[in-house]
Amino acid sequence: MPKPFVFRLLERTGPVSVGNVWGESGVTGYIAVCNAPSCGWSAEYSGYAAACIAARNHRCRVRTN
């Protein structure tokens, strides 16, 4: 039986959350996820510093309709 995907919040920068994740293969990684409505941006990194830099530099796209 595979391990469930686990997300543990480590830091929050504006609308972006950085967390520690354990995947199905048991490998630990870090993920940055934007919680803004209709943004949908997320990225997975092997290091905590890289995920924090991505969180600080993320800018949501502005939609013009």
C-alpha atoms as a PDB file:
ATOM      1  CA  MET A   1       0.000   0.000   0.000  1.00  0.00           C
ATOM      2  CA  PRO A   2       1.514   3.383  -1.008  1.00  0.00           C
ATOM      3  CA  LYS A   3       2.195   6.105   1.540  1.00  0.00           C
ATOM      4  CA  PRO A   4      -0.212   9.058   1.434  1.00  0.00           C
ATOM      5  CA  PHE A   5       0.957  12.468   0.215  1.00  0.00           C
ATOM      6  CA  VAL A   6       1.718  14.524   3.353  1.00  0.00           C
ATOM      7  CA  PHE A   7       2.109  18.340   3.399  1.00  0.00           C
ATOM      8  CA  ARG A   8       3.470  20.117   6.480  1.00  0.00           C
ATOM      9  CA  LEU A   9       3.411  23.922   6.416  1.00  0.00           C
ATOM     10  CA  LEU A  10       6.803  25.475   7.172  1.00  0.00           C
ATOM     11  CA  GLU A  11       6.504  29.088   6.030  1.00  0.00           C
ATOM     12  CA  ARG A  12       4.037  31.470   4.438  1.00  0.00           C
ATOM     13  CA  THR A  13       5.050  34.440   2.252  1.00  0.00           C
ATOM     14  CA  GLY A  14       2.047  36.441   1.111  1.00  0.00           C
ATOM     15  CA  PRO A  15      -0.296  34.053  -0.718  1.00  0.00           C
ATOM     16  CA  VAL A  16       2.461  31.447  -1.187  1.00  0.00           C
ATOM     17  CA  SER A  17       2.919  28.581   1.279  1.00  0.00           C
ATOM     18  CA  VAL A  18       6.144  26.579   1.542  1.00  0.00           C
ATOM     19  CA  GLY A  19       5.901  23.105   2.964  1.00  0.00           C
ATOM     20  CA  ASN A  20       7.699  19.837   3.509  1.00  0.00           C
ATOM     21  CA  VAL A  21       6.314  16.894   1.529  1.00  0.00           C
ATOM     22  CA  TRP A  22       6.810  13.146   1.544  1.00  0.00           C
ATOM     23  CA  GLY A  23       5.899  11.446  -1.707  1.00  0.00           C
ATOM     24  CA  GLU A  24       4.880   7.878  -2.439  1.00  0.00           C
ATOM     25  CA  SER A  25       8.492   6.794  -2.872  1.00  0.00           C
ATOM     26  CA  GLY A  26       9.410   8.099   0.600  1.00  0.00           C
ATOM     27  CA  VAL A  27      11.571  10.937  -0.731  1.00  0.00           C
ATOM     28  CA  THR A  28      11.399  14.204   1.225  1.00  0.00           C
ATOM     29  CA  GLY A  29      11.035  17.404  -0.787  1.00  0.00           C
ATOM     30  CA  TYR A  30       9.831  20.972  -0.503  1.00  0.00           C
ATOM     31  CA  ILE A  31       6.941  22.526  -2.365  1.00  0.00           C
ATOM     32  CA  ALA A  32       5.827  26.124  -2.888  1.00  0.00           C
ATOM     33  CA  VAL A  33       2.106  26.607  -3.593  1.00  0.00           C
ATOM     34  CA  CYS A  34       0.204  29.823  -4.362  1.00  0.00           C
ATOM     35  CA  ASN A  35      -3.170  30.018  -2.582  1.00  0.00           C
ATOM     36  CA  ALA A  36      -4.494  32.995  -4.557  1.00  0.00           C
ATOM     37  CA  PRO A  37      -7.803  32.398  -6.362  1.00  0.00           C
ATOM     38  CA  SER A  38      -7.366  31.127  -9.948  1.00  0.00           C
ATOM     39  CA  CYS A  39      -3.547  31.238  -9.823  1.00  0.00           C
ATOM     40  CA  GLY A  40      -2.742  27.526  -9.730  1.00  0.00           C
ATOM     41  CA  TRP A  41       1.052  27.941  -9.437  1.00  0.00           C
ATOM     42  CA  SER A  42       3.094  25.327  -7.612  1.00  0.00           C
ATOM     43  CA  ALA A  43       6.649  24.015  -7.833  1.00  0.00           C
ATOM     44  CA  GLU A  44       8.579  21.225  -6.121  1.00  0.00           C
ATOM     45  CA  TYR A  45      12.215  21.587  -5.020  1.00  0.00           C
ATOM     46  CA  SER A  46      14.803  19.363  -3.388  1.00  0.00           C
ATOM     47  CA  GLY A  47      16.027  22.135  -1.047  1.00  0.00           C
ATOM     48  CA  TYR A  48      14.246  24.398   1.438  1.00  0.00           C
ATOM     49  CA  ALA A  49      16.185  27.517   0.399  1.00  0.00           C
ATOM     50  CA  ALA A  50      15.182  27.108  -3.247  1.00  0.00           C
ATOM     51  CA  ALA A  51      11.503  26.796  -2.314  1.00  0.00           C
ATOM     52  CA  CYS A  52      11.693  29.939  -0.148  1.00  0.00           C
ATOM     53  CA  ILE A  53      13.352  31.937  -2.934  1.00  0.00           C
ATOM     54  CA  ALA A  54      10.671  30.819  -5.387  1.00  0.00           C
ATOM     55  CA  ALA A  55       7.956  31.811  -2.892  1.00  0.00           C
ATOM     56  CA  ARG A  56       9.418  35.283  -2.407  1.00  0.00           C
ATOM     57  CA  ASN A  57       9.845  35.870  -6.154  1.00  0.00           C
ATOM     58  CA  HIS A  58       6.458  34.518  -7.304  1.00  0.00           C
ATOM     59  CA  ARG A  59       4.104  36.998  -8.937  1.00  0.00           C
ATOM     60  CA  CYS A  60       0.595  35.950  -9.894  1.00  0.00           C
ATOM     61  CA  ARG A  61      -0.443  36.615 -13.465  1.00  0.00           C
ATOM     62  CA  VAL A  62      -2.908  39.437 -13.915  1.00  0.00           C
ATOM     63  CA  ARG A  63      -5.857  38.423 -16.075  1.00  0.00           C
ATOM     64  CA  THR A  64      -7.478  41.015 -18.284  1.00  0.00           C
ATOM     65  CA  ASN A  65     -10.980  40.100 -19.437  1.00  0.00           C
END
